[in-house]
Amino acid sequence: MLNPRKAAIIGCGFVGSSIAFTLMQRGLFSELVLIDVNRQKAEGEAMDLSHGLPYAASMNIYAGDYDDVADCALAIITAGANQKPGETRLDLIGRNVEILKGIVPEISSRGFEGVMLIVSNPVDALTYAAYRLSGLPAGRVIGSGTVLDTARLKQRLGEHLQVDSRNVHAVIIGEHGDSELAVWSSANVSGIDLNHFCELRGHYNHASSMRRLYEDVRDSAYHIIERKGATYYGIAMAVARIAECIVKDEHSVLPVSVVLSGEYGLHDLCLSIPAVVGKNGLEKVLEIPLNQQEQVALSASAEQLSAAIAQLQL
């Protein structure tokens, strides 16, 4: 029987352990099981996290195995090879699909009825692979997508305009990677058109500012990896936000990676697209208005991902 307050994290590296720490602080779950190919690593993380429970919400955190995933409402997969300096997310595809092949069937064979959330990179290609490997309905296999990229864009715009980033409404869609695109045509600050708000703050060179901010967002992971070797805090916050939507059945709109079946004229691939997310995962893919330039960029991003998916041995 599904336990709506139980989650599993598969992969206890920097990303997985950061997600566990964030979820513990949020108090979203009463039970959190950590699974790793290195059982001792999972045990150590569980012990370390548990020692902070007197200062957090009451919950049970422990190392487990795939049998423990059967009744989870959410299974978060972070296992995979890390992106190295100078390496793109798509460069990881072969290694991480092989890792996924050892994980996803283990989960689905236990009669898993929850939502599978893919975080490992390249997240869009791996979300599609997980969907194919799991046999689960498309709506119950989603990826963290461009939820982090969107947060990066909001943060940079807030910094640029000296306004609370929570008042910035803008989204990154497409591949979580080098071909992603910012949807500038509908961006706004508390309902005020972005260009108009920029002018209210004394910024008039819109084209160059948009290009610079987009490139900052697109390349931010590379800059972080160059400096500290990996990114994990930002994605942990993004995953916690997705988990919150699922646990609380919020019906919130997030740019998660989803299986497309004709939306935007695209089929048989996963892309990061604004979607309504609730307790059963994906509720509806939203076809948001795009200008011609954005439509072309989305199609180009889709072509790149389709080419990557075509190479997979699924």
C-alpha atoms as a PDB file:
ATOM      1  CA  MET A   1       0.000   0.000   0.000  1.00  0.00           C
ATOM      2  CA  LEU A   2       1.343   3.425  -0.968  1.00  0.00           C
ATOM      3  CA  ASN A   3       2.684   5.526   1.910  1.00  0.00           C
ATOM      4  CA  PRO A   4       2.195   9.185   0.887  1.00  0.00           C
ATOM      5  CA  ARG A   5       4.778  10.350   3.431  1.00  0.00           C
ATOM      6  CA  LYS A   6       7.586   7.999   2.382  1.00  0.00           C
ATOM      7  CA  ALA A   7      10.325   8.701  -0.164  1.00  0.00           C
ATOM      8  CA  ALA A   8      13.467   7.005  -1.410  1.00  0.00           C
ATOM      9  CA  ILE A   9      16.673   8.512  -2.735  1.00  0.00           C
ATOM     10  CA  ILE A  10      18.733   6.243  -4.975  1.00  0.00           C
ATOM     11  CA  GLY A  11      22.292   7.532  -5.137  1.00  0.00           C
ATOM     12  CA  CYS A  12      23.972   9.102  -2.104  1.00  0.00           C
ATOM     13  CA  GLY A  13      26.627  11.255  -3.726  1.00  0.00           C
ATOM     14  CA  PHE A  14      26.774  15.043  -3.368  1.00  0.00           C
ATOM     15  CA  VAL A  15      23.392  15.529  -5.059  1.00  0.00           C
ATOM     16  CA  GLY A  16      21.545  12.704  -3.330  1.00  0.00           C
ATOM     17  CA  SER A  17      22.815  13.569   0.146  1.00  0.00           C
ATOM     18  CA  SER A  18      22.069  17.282  -0.395  1.00  0.00           C
ATOM     19  CA  ILE A  19      18.517  16.390  -1.419  1.00  0.00           C
ATOM     20  CA  ALA A  20      18.164  14.209   1.691  1.00  0.00           C
ATOM     21  CA  PHE A  21      19.371  17.082   3.883  1.00  0.00           C
ATOM     22  CA  THR A  22      16.948  19.519   2.241  1.00  0.00           C
ATOM     23  CA  LEU A  23      13.987  17.152   2.506  1.00  0.00           C
ATOM     24  CA  MET A  24      14.789  16.525   6.172  1.00  0.00           C
ATOM     25  CA  GLN A  25      14.716  20.258   6.858  1.00  0.00           C
ATOM     26  CA  ARG A  26      11.455  20.710   4.932  1.00  0.00           C
ATOM     27  CA  GLY A  27       9.711  18.034   7.005  1.00  0.00           C
ATOM     28  CA  LEU A  28       7.782  16.758   3.982  1.00  0.00           C
ATOM     29  CA  PHE A  29       8.201  13.057   4.745  1.00  0.00           C
ATOM     30  CA  SER A  30       7.915  10.884   7.826  1.00  0.00           C
ATOM     31  CA  GLU A  31      10.149   8.182   6.304  1.00  0.00           C
ATOM     32  CA  LEU A  32      13.176   8.565   4.040  1.00  0.00           C
ATOM     33  CA  VAL A  33      15.168   5.590   2.766  1.00  0.00           C
ATOM     34  CA  LEU A  34      18.633   6.042   1.260  1.00  0.00           C
ATOM     35  CA  ILE A  35      19.966   3.528  -1.268  1.00  0.00           C
ATOM     36  CA  ASP A  36      23.418   3.418  -2.792  1.00  0.00           C
ATOM     37  CA  VAL A  37      25.569   0.816  -4.523  1.00  0.00           C
ATOM     38  CA  ASN A  38      27.944   1.494  -1.628  1.00  0.00           C
ATOM     39  CA  ARG A  39      25.759   0.433   1.296  1.00  0.00           C
ATOM     40  CA  GLN A  40      28.165   1.894   3.854  1.00  0.00           C
ATOM     41  CA  LYS A  41      27.918   5.303   2.197  1.00  0.00           C
ATOM     42  CA  ALA A  42      24.127   5.214   2.495  1.00  0.00           C
ATOM     43  CA  GLU A  43      24.408   4.109   6.129  1.00  0.00           C
ATOM     44  CA  GLY A  44      26.852   6.894   6.923  1.00  0.00           C
ATOM     45  CA  GLU A  45      24.646   9.542   5.341  1.00  0.00           C
ATOM     46  CA  ALA A  46      21.586   8.220   7.192  1.00  0.00           C
ATOM     47  CA  MET A  47      23.450   8.268  10.502  1.00  0.00           C
ATOM     48  CA  ASP A  48      24.788  11.776   9.958  1.00  0.00           C
ATOM     49  CA  LEU A  49      21.380  13.144   8.954  1.00  0.00           C
ATOM     50  CA  SER A  50      19.603  11.397  11.823  1.00  0.00           C
ATOM     51  CA  HIS A  51      21.800  13.157  14.353  1.00  0.00           C
ATOM     52  CA  GLY A  52      20.166  16.448  13.331  1.00  0.00           C
ATOM     53  CA  LEU A  53      16.599  15.209  13.824  1.00  0.00           C
ATOM     54  CA  PRO A  54      16.228  16.711  17.326  1.00  0.00           C
ATOM     55  CA  TYR A  55      16.385  20.090  15.564  1.00  0.00           C
ATOM     56  CA  ALA A  56      14.112  19.169  12.632  1.00  0.00           C
ATOM     57  CA  ALA A  57      10.768  17.500  11.937  1.00  0.00           C
ATOM     58  CA  SER A  58      10.163  14.016  13.281  1.00  0.00           C
ATOM     59  CA  MET A  59      11.027  11.368  10.696  1.00  0.00           C
ATOM     60  CA  ASN A  60      12.823   8.072  10.193  1.00  0.00           C
ATOM     61  CA  ILE A  61      15.929   8.190   7.961  1.00  0.00           C
ATOM     62  CA  TYR A  62      17.700   4.922   7.208  1.00  0.00           C
ATOM     63  CA  ALA A  63      19.745   3.037   4.620  1.00  0.00           C
ATOM     64  CA  GLY A  64      17.766   0.396   2.775  1.00  0.00           C
ATOM     65  CA  ASP A  65      17.386  -1.596  -0.419  1.00  0.00           C
ATOM     66  CA  TYR A  66      14.945  -1.789  -3.325  1.00  0.00           C
ATOM     67  CA  ASP A  67      12.370  -3.721  -1.299  1.00  0.00           C
ATOM     68  CA  ASP A  68      11.955  -0.556   0.769  1.00  0.00           C
ATOM     69  CA  VAL A  69      10.903   1.430  -2.326  1.00  0.00           C
ATOM     70  CA  ALA A  70       7.740  -0.608  -2.998  1.00  0.00           C
ATOM     71  CA  ASP A  71       5.418   1.596  -0.907  1.00  0.00           C
ATOM     72  CA  CYS A  72       7.159   4.945  -1.514  1.00  0.00           C
ATOM     73  CA  ALA A  73       5.148   7.850  -2.877  1.00  0.00           C
ATOM     74  CA  LEU A  74       8.320   9.219  -4.469  1.00  0.00           C
ATOM     75  CA  ALA A  75      11.519   7.583  -5.729  1.00  0.00           C
ATOM     76  CA  ILE A  76      14.255  10.104  -6.518  1.00  0.00           C
ATOM     77  CA  ILE A  77      17.053   8.796  -8.737  1.00  0.00           C
ATOM     78  CA  THR A  78      20.309  10.751  -8.548  1.00  0.00           C
ATOM     79  CA  ALA A  79      22.748   7.906  -9.211  1.00  0.00           C
ATOM     80  CA  GLY A  80      25.142   8.385 -12.101  1.00  0.00           C
ATOM     81  CA  ALA A  81      28.517   9.593 -13.251  1.00  0.00           C
ATOM     82  CA  ASN A  82      29.399  13.195 -12.443  1.00  0.00           C
ATOM     83  CA  GLN A  83      29.844  15.872 -15.073  1.00  0.00           C
ATOM     84  CA  LYS A  84      33.530  16.714 -15.361  1.00  0.00           C
ATOM     85  CA  PRO A  85      35.054  20.110 -16.224  1.00  0.00           C
ATOM     86  CA  GLY A  86      34.633  20.729 -19.959  1.00  0.00           C
ATOM     87  CA  GLU A  87      32.083  17.914 -20.301  1.00  0.00           C
ATOM     88  CA  THR A  88      28.493  18.561 -21.436  1.00  0.00           C
ATOM     89  CA  ARG A  89      25.502  16.869 -19.836  1.00  0.00           C
ATOM     90  CA  LEU A  90      24.872  14.930 -23.034  1.00  0.00           C
ATOM     91  CA  ASP A  91      28.413  13.525 -22.833  1.00  0.00           C
ATOM     92  CA  LEU A  92      27.219  11.520 -19.813  1.00  0.00           C
ATOM     93  CA  ILE A  93      24.416   9.771 -21.631  1.00  0.00           C
ATOM     94  CA  GLY A  94      25.969   6.344 -22.338  1.00  0.00           C
ATOM     95  CA  ARG A  95      27.409   5.822 -18.863  1.00  0.00           C
ATOM     96  CA  ASN A  96      24.306   6.940 -17.035  1.00  0.00           C
ATOM     97  CA  VAL A  97      21.811   4.994 -19.128  1.00  0.00           C
ATOM     98  CA  GLU A  98      23.726   1.834 -18.226  1.00  0.00           C
ATOM     99  CA  ILE A  99      23.512   2.777 -14.547  1.00  0.00           C
ATOM    100  CA  LEU A 100      19.790   3.476 -14.947  1.00  0.00           C
ATOM    101  CA  LYS A 101      19.273   0.022 -16.468  1.00  0.00           C
ATOM    102  CA  GLY A 102      20.430  -1.459 -13.172  1.00  0.00           C
ATOM    103  CA  ILE A 103      18.109   0.711 -11.076  1.00  0.00           C
ATOM    104  CA  VAL A 104      14.758   1.274 -12.772  1.00  0.00           C
ATOM    105  CA  PRO A 105      13.783  -2.399 -13.308  1.00  0.00           C
ATOM    106  CA  GLU A 106      14.623  -3.067  -9.638  1.00  0.00           C
ATOM    107  CA  ILE A 107      12.096  -0.406  -8.615  1.00  0.00           C
ATOM    108  CA  SER A 108       9.314  -1.275 -11.054  1.00  0.00           C
ATOM    109  CA  SER A 109       9.603  -5.017 -10.290  1.00  0.00           C
ATOM    110  CA  ARG A 110       8.572  -4.282  -6.679  1.00  0.00           C
ATOM    111  CA  GLY A 111       5.113  -3.106  -7.764  1.00  0.00           C
ATOM    112  CA  PHE A 112       6.075   0.543  -7.237  1.00  0.00           C
ATOM    113  CA  GLU A 113       2.969   2.769  -7.456  1.00  0.00           C
ATOM    114  CA  GLY A 114       4.498   6.158  -6.733  1.00  0.00           C
ATOM    115  CA  VAL A 115       6.169   8.846  -8.820  1.00  0.00           C
ATOM    116  CA  MET A 116       9.656   8.279 -10.223  1.00  0.00           C
ATOM    117  CA  LEU A 117      11.677  11.505 -10.305  1.00  0.00           C
ATOM    118  CA  ILE A 118      14.877  11.474 -12.365  1.00  0.00           C
ATOM    119  CA  VAL A 119      17.591  13.939 -11.382  1.00  0.00           C
ATOM    120  CA  SER A 120      20.692  12.345 -12.960  1.00  0.00           C
ATOM    121  CA  ASN A 121      22.040  14.007 -16.106  1.00  0.00           C
ATOM    122  CA  PRO A 122      21.367  14.331 -18.962  1.00  0.00           C
ATOM    123  CA  VAL A 123      18.001  14.507 -17.236  1.00  0.00           C
ATOM    124  CA  ASP A 124      15.710  14.742 -20.285  1.00  0.00           C
ATOM    125  CA  ALA A 125      17.260  11.750 -22.063  1.00  0.00           C
ATOM    126  CA  LEU A 126      17.402   9.749 -18.823  1.00  0.00           C
ATOM    127  CA  THR A 127      13.769  10.572 -18.001  1.00  0.00           C
ATOM    128  CA  TYR A 128      12.785   9.153 -21.377  1.00  0.00           C
ATOM    129  CA  ALA A 129      14.964   6.085 -20.749  1.00  0.00           C
ATOM    130  CA  ALA A 130      13.398   5.585 -17.303  1.00  0.00           C
ATOM    131  CA  TYR A 131       9.918   5.830 -18.814  1.00  0.00           C
ATOM    132  CA  ARG A 132      10.768   3.165 -21.386  1.00  0.00           C
ATOM    133  CA  LEU A 133      12.552   0.911 -18.879  1.00  0.00           C
ATOM    134  CA  SER A 134       9.979   1.154 -16.092  1.00  0.00           C
ATOM    135  CA  GLY A 135       6.735   0.358 -17.870  1.00  0.00           C
ATOM    136  CA  LEU A 136       5.089   3.031 -15.701  1.00  0.00           C
ATOM    137  CA  PRO A 137       2.523   5.483 -17.108  1.00  0.00           C
ATOM    138  CA  ALA A 138       4.195   8.545 -18.639  1.00  0.00           C
ATOM    139  CA  GLY A 139       2.737  10.856 -16.014  1.00  0.00           C
ATOM    140  CA  ARG A 140       4.433   9.000 -13.177  1.00  0.00           C
ATOM    141  CA  VAL A 141       7.949   9.347 -14.613  1.00  0.00           C
ATOM    142  CA  ILE A 142       9.190  12.932 -14.614  1.00  0.00           C
ATOM    143  CA  GLY A 143      12.561  14.630 -14.492  1.00  0.00           C
ATOM    144  CA  SER A 144      13.799  17.615 -12.503  1.00  0.00           C
ATOM    145  CA  GLY A 145      14.073  19.316 -15.896  1.00  0.00           C
ATOM    146  CA  THR A 146      14.755  23.043 -15.958  1.00  0.00           C
ATOM    147  CA  VAL A 147      13.329  23.795 -12.505  1.00  0.00           C
ATOM    148  CA  LEU A 148      16.859  24.721 -11.384  1.00  0.00           C
ATOM    149  CA  ASP A 149      17.653  26.644 -14.583  1.00  0.00           C
ATOM    150  CA  THR A 150      14.440  28.620 -14.106  1.00  0.00           C
ATOM    151  CA  ALA A 151      15.444  29.447 -10.532  1.00  0.00           C
ATOM    152  CA  ARG A 152      18.836  30.597 -11.821  1.00  0.00           C
ATOM    153  CA  LEU A 153      17.130  32.870 -14.349  1.00  0.00           C
ATOM    154  CA  LYS A 154      14.831  34.340 -11.708  1.00  0.00           C
ATOM    155  CA  GLN A 155      17.749  34.883  -9.341  1.00  0.00           C
ATOM    156  CA  ARG A 156      19.863  36.620 -11.989  1.00  0.00           C
ATOM    157  CA  LEU A 157      16.957  38.790 -13.136  1.00  0.00           C
ATOM    158  CA  GLY A 158      16.180  39.730  -9.538  1.00  0.00           C
ATOM    159  CA  GLU A 159      19.814  40.675  -9.022  1.00  0.00           C
ATOM    160  CA  HIS A 160      19.895  42.630 -12.295  1.00  0.00           C
ATOM    161  CA  LEU A 161      16.707  44.559 -11.497  1.00  0.00           C
ATOM    162  CA  GLN A 162      17.278  44.815  -7.718  1.00  0.00           C
ATOM    163  CA  VAL A 163      13.935  43.199  -6.999  1.00  0.00           C
ATOM    164  CA  ASP A 164      12.890  40.111  -4.994  1.00  0.00           C
ATOM    165  CA  SER A 165      13.501  37.122  -7.302  1.00  0.00           C
ATOM    166  CA  ARG A 166      10.234  35.596  -6.061  1.00  0.00           C
ATOM    167  CA  ASN A 167       8.416  38.395  -7.911  1.00  0.00           C
ATOM    168  CA  VAL A 168      10.096  37.446 -11.191  1.00  0.00           C
ATOM    169  CA  HIS A 169       8.052  35.209 -13.485  1.00  0.00           C
ATOM    170  CA  ALA A 170      10.159  33.721 -16.253  1.00  0.00           C
ATOM    171  CA  VAL A 171      10.941  30.201 -17.412  1.00  0.00           C
ATOM    172  CA  ILE A 172      13.675  28.169 -19.094  1.00  0.00           C
ATOM    173  CA  ILE A 173      12.410  25.342 -21.318  1.00  0.00           C
ATOM    174  CA  GLY A 174      13.815  22.704 -23.685  1.00  0.00           C
ATOM    175  CA  GLU A 175      16.845  20.607 -22.837  1.00  0.00           C
ATOM    176  CA  HIS A 176      18.344  20.965 -19.376  1.00  0.00           C
ATOM    177  CA  GLY A 177      21.624  21.722 -21.110  1.00  0.00           C
ATOM    178  CA  ASP A 178      23.302  23.791 -23.771  1.00  0.00           C
ATOM    179  CA  SER A 179      20.278  24.035 -26.092  1.00  0.00           C
ATOM    180  CA  GLU A 180      17.843  25.311 -23.450  1.00  0.00           C
ATOM    181  CA  LEU A 181      16.007  28.563 -24.103  1.00  0.00           C
ATOM    182  CA  ALA A 182      14.555  31.393 -22.060  1.00  0.00           C
ATOM    183  CA  VAL A 183      10.954  32.324 -22.828  1.00  0.00           C
ATOM    184  CA  TRP A 184      11.419  36.086 -22.789  1.00  0.00           C
ATOM    185  CA  SER A 185       8.159  36.815 -24.623  1.00  0.00           C
ATOM    186  CA  SER A 186       6.013  36.114 -21.539  1.00  0.00           C
ATOM    187  CA  ALA A 187       8.472  37.121 -18.791  1.00  0.00           C
ATOM    188  CA  ASN A 188       7.214  39.630 -16.255  1.00  0.00           C
ATOM    189  CA  VAL A 189       7.754  41.018 -12.776  1.00  0.00           C
ATOM    190  CA  SER A 190       4.537  40.801 -10.752  1.00  0.00           C
ATOM    191  CA  GLY A 191       2.482  41.134 -13.925  1.00  0.00           C
ATOM    192  CA  ILE A 192       4.519  44.018 -15.354  1.00  0.00           C
ATOM    193  CA  ASP A 193       6.045  43.257 -18.760  1.00  0.00           C
ATOM    194  CA  LEU A 194       9.747  42.528 -18.306  1.00  0.00           C
ATOM    195  CA  ASN A 195      11.025  45.161 -20.753  1.00  0.00           C
ATOM    196  CA  HIS A 196       8.774  47.792 -19.203  1.00  0.00           C
ATOM    197  CA  PHE A 197       9.940  46.875 -15.705  1.00  0.00           C
ATOM    198  CA  CYS A 198      13.564  47.024 -16.889  1.00  0.00           C
ATOM    199  CA  GLU A 199      12.984  50.571 -18.107  1.00  0.00           C
ATOM    200  CA  LEU A 200      11.379  51.500 -14.797  1.00  0.00           C
ATOM    201  CA  ARG A 201      14.688  50.420 -13.226  1.00  0.00           C
ATOM    202  CA  GLY A 202      16.816  52.329 -15.744  1.00  0.00           C
ATOM    203  CA  HIS A 203      17.751  49.468 -18.100  1.00  0.00           C
ATOM    204  CA  TYR A 204      17.133  50.034 -21.806  1.00  0.00           C
ATOM    205  CA  ASN A 205      19.543  47.768 -23.706  1.00  0.00           C
ATOM    206  CA  HIS A 206      17.200  44.786 -23.619  1.00  0.00           C
ATOM    207  CA  ALA A 207      18.712  42.545 -26.300  1.00  0.00           C
ATOM    208  CA  SER A 208      22.262  42.534 -24.921  1.00  0.00           C
ATOM    209  CA  SER A 209      21.025  42.145 -21.330  1.00  0.00           C
ATOM    210  CA  MET A 210      18.821  39.187 -22.257  1.00  0.00           C
ATOM    211  CA  ARG A 211      21.677  37.528 -24.110  1.00  0.00           C
ATOM    212  CA  ARG A 212      24.090  38.033 -21.211  1.00  0.00           C
ATOM    213  CA  LEU A 213      21.636  36.793 -18.586  1.00  0.00           C
ATOM    214  CA  TYR A 214      20.674  33.762 -20.665  1.00  0.00           C
ATOM    215  CA  GLU A 215      24.318  32.808 -21.193  1.00  0.00           C
ATOM    216  CA  ASP A 216      24.991  33.216 -17.459  1.00  0.00           C
ATOM    217  CA  VAL A 217      22.160  30.792 -16.702  1.00  0.00           C
ATOM    218  CA  ARG A 218      23.041  28.312 -19.452  1.00  0.00           C
ATOM    219  CA  ASP A 219      26.715  28.163 -18.454  1.00  0.00           C
ATOM    220  CA  SER A 220      26.348  28.475 -14.685  1.00  0.00           C
ATOM    221  CA  ALA A 221      26.868  24.755 -14.011  1.00  0.00           C
ATOM    222  CA  TYR A 222      30.173  24.862 -15.916  1.00  0.00           C
ATOM    223  CA  HIS A 223      31.334  27.820 -13.836  1.00  0.00           C
ATOM    224  CA  ILE A 224      30.398  26.084 -10.577  1.00  0.00           C
ATOM    225  CA  ILE A 225      32.046  22.799 -11.626  1.00  0.00           C
ATOM    226  CA  GLU A 226      35.237  24.676 -12.540  1.00  0.00           C
ATOM    227  CA  ARG A 227      35.326  26.190  -9.066  1.00  0.00           C
ATOM    228  CA  LYS A 228      34.110  23.440  -6.719  1.00  0.00           C
ATOM    229  CA  GLY A 229      33.846  20.269  -8.802  1.00  0.00           C
ATOM    230  CA  ALA A 230      30.074  19.726  -8.709  1.00  0.00           C
ATOM    231  CA  THR A 231      26.700  21.429  -8.269  1.00  0.00           C
ATOM    232  CA  TYR A 232      24.361  20.148  -5.588  1.00  0.00           C
ATOM    233  CA  TYR A 233      22.743  22.780  -3.342  1.00  0.00           C
ATOM    234  CA  GLY A 234      20.679  24.430  -6.067  1.00  0.00           C
ATOM    235  CA  ILE A 235      19.388  21.157  -7.485  1.00  0.00           C
ATOM    236  CA  ALA A 236      18.573  19.941  -3.965  1.00  0.00           C
ATOM    237  CA  MET A 237      16.328  22.974  -3.467  1.00  0.00           C
ATOM    238  CA  ALA A 238      14.725  22.435  -6.883  1.00  0.00           C
ATOM    239  CA  VAL A 239      14.007  18.757  -6.163  1.00  0.00           C
ATOM    240  CA  ALA A 240      12.557  19.646  -2.762  1.00  0.00           C
ATOM    241  CA  ARG A 241      10.200  22.066  -4.518  1.00  0.00           C
ATOM    242  CA  ILE A 242       9.031  19.307  -6.889  1.00  0.00           C
ATOM    243  CA  ALA A 243       8.625  16.905  -3.959  1.00  0.00           C
ATOM    244  CA  GLU A 244       6.521  19.473  -2.133  1.00  0.00           C
ATOM    245  CA  CYS A 245       4.176  19.759  -5.129  1.00  0.00           C
ATOM    246  CA  ILE A 246       3.712  16.000  -5.107  1.00  0.00           C
ATOM    247  CA  VAL A 247       3.337  15.484  -1.348  1.00  0.00           C
ATOM    248  CA  LYS A 248       0.910  18.404  -0.935  1.00  0.00           C
ATOM    249  CA  ASP A 249      -0.900  17.743  -4.244  1.00  0.00           C
ATOM    250  CA  GLU A 250      -0.405  21.411  -5.089  1.00  0.00           C
ATOM    251  CA  HIS A 251      -1.229  21.359  -8.812  1.00  0.00           C
ATOM    252  CA  SER A 252       1.674  23.770  -9.238  1.00  0.00           C
ATOM    253  CA  VAL A 253       3.220  24.713 -12.580  1.00  0.00           C
ATOM    254  CA  LEU A 254       6.877  23.697 -12.898  1.00  0.00           C
ATOM    255  CA  PRO A 255       9.143  23.183 -15.949  1.00  0.00           C
ATOM    256  CA  VAL A 256       9.764  19.482 -15.336  1.00  0.00           C
ATOM    257  CA  SER A 257      11.000  16.989 -17.915  1.00  0.00           C
ATOM    258  CA  VAL A 258       8.005  15.140 -19.347  1.00  0.00           C
ATOM    259  CA  VAL A 259       7.171  12.670 -22.104  1.00  0.00           C
ATOM    260  CA  LEU A 260       5.704  14.603 -25.035  1.00  0.00           C
ATOM    261  CA  SER A 261       2.913  13.088 -27.120  1.00  0.00           C
ATOM    262  CA  GLY A 262       2.160  15.742 -29.702  1.00  0.00           C
ATOM    263  CA  GLU A 263       2.501  18.886 -27.614  1.00  0.00           C
ATOM    264  CA  TYR A 264       4.368  21.580 -29.556  1.00  0.00           C
ATOM    265  CA  GLY A 265       4.257  19.108 -32.463  1.00  0.00           C
ATOM    266  CA  LEU A 266       6.796  16.879 -30.688  1.00  0.00           C
ATOM    267  CA  HIS A 267       6.566  13.136 -30.106  1.00  0.00           C
ATOM    268  CA  ASP A 268       8.448  10.309 -28.415  1.00  0.00           C
ATOM    269  CA  LEU A 269      10.957  12.287 -26.360  1.00  0.00           C
ATOM    270  CA  CYS A 270      11.234  14.120 -23.063  1.00  0.00           C
ATOM    271  CA  LEU A 271      11.756  17.858 -22.792  1.00  0.00           C
ATOM    272  CA  SER A 272      11.533  20.313 -19.930  1.00  0.00           C
ATOM    273  CA  ILE A 273       8.189  22.041 -20.370  1.00  0.00           C
ATOM    274  CA  PRO A 274       5.873  23.874 -17.935  1.00  0.00           C
ATOM    275  CA  ALA A 275       3.453  21.314 -16.535  1.00  0.00           C
ATOM    276  CA  VAL A 276       0.935  20.966 -13.735  1.00  0.00           C
ATOM    277  CA  VAL A 277       2.387  18.715 -11.005  1.00  0.00           C
ATOM    278  CA  GLY A 278       0.397  16.994  -8.262  1.00  0.00           C
ATOM    279  CA  LYS A 279       0.315  13.856  -6.130  1.00  0.00           C
ATOM    280  CA  ASN A 280       0.321  11.531  -9.150  1.00  0.00           C
ATOM    281  CA  GLY A 281       3.158  13.361 -10.892  1.00  0.00           C
ATOM    282  CA  LEU A 282       2.376  14.983 -14.214  1.00  0.00           C
ATOM    283  CA  GLU A 283      -1.213  16.169 -14.547  1.00  0.00           C
ATOM    284  CA  LYS A 284      -1.013  18.223 -17.729  1.00  0.00           C
ATOM    285  CA  VAL A 285       1.654  19.472 -20.121  1.00  0.00           C
ATOM    286  CA  LEU A 286       1.049  23.164 -20.840  1.00  0.00           C
ATOM    287  CA  GLU A 287       1.490  24.507 -24.348  1.00  0.00           C
ATOM    288  CA  ILE A 288       2.522  28.043 -23.484  1.00  0.00           C
ATOM    289  CA  PRO A 289       2.611  30.840 -26.093  1.00  0.00           C
ATOM    290  CA  LEU A 290       5.994  31.154 -27.819  1.00  0.00           C
ATOM    291  CA  ASN A 291       7.128  33.706 -30.357  1.00  0.00           C
ATOM    292  CA  GLN A 292       8.613  32.515 -33.645  1.00  0.00           C
ATOM    293  CA  GLN A 293      12.218  32.726 -32.436  1.00  0.00           C
ATOM    294  CA  GLU A 294      11.370  30.692 -29.324  1.00  0.00           C
ATOM    295  CA  GLN A 295       9.504  28.075 -31.366  1.00  0.00           C
ATOM    296  CA  VAL A 296      12.540  27.641 -33.622  1.00  0.00           C
ATOM    297  CA  ALA A 297      14.849  27.339 -30.596  1.00  0.00           C
ATOM    298  CA  LEU A 298      12.575  24.748 -28.955  1.00  0.00           C
ATOM    299  CA  SER A 299      12.479  22.686 -32.156  1.00  0.00           C
ATOM    300  CA  ALA A 300      16.280  22.818 -32.387  1.00  0.00           C
ATOM    301  CA  SER A 301      16.572  21.683 -28.759  1.00  0.00           C
ATOM    302  CA  ALA A 302      14.150  18.835 -29.451  1.00  0.00           C
ATOM    303  CA  GLU A 303      16.117  17.720 -32.512  1.00  0.00           C
ATOM    304  CA  GLN A 304      19.307  17.551 -30.467  1.00  0.00           C
ATOM    305  CA  LEU A 305      17.624  15.446 -27.792  1.00  0.00           C
ATOM    306  CA  SER A 306      15.937  13.183 -30.340  1.00  0.00           C
ATOM    307  CA  ALA A 307      19.344  12.477 -31.867  1.00  0.00           C
ATOM    308  CA  ALA A 308      20.720  11.607 -28.412  1.00  0.00           C
ATOM    309  CA  ILE A 309      17.752   9.352 -27.596  1.00  0.00           C
ATOM    310  CA  ALA A 310      18.100   7.564 -30.950  1.00  0.00           C
ATOM    311  CA  GLN A 311      21.531   6.332 -29.807  1.00  0.00           C
ATOM    312  CA  LEU A 312      20.155   4.656 -26.678  1.00  0.00           C
ATOM    313  CA  GLN A 313      19.888   0.895 -26.504  1.00  0.00           C
ATOM    314  CA  LEU A 314      16.503   0.603 -24.796  1.00  0.00           C
END
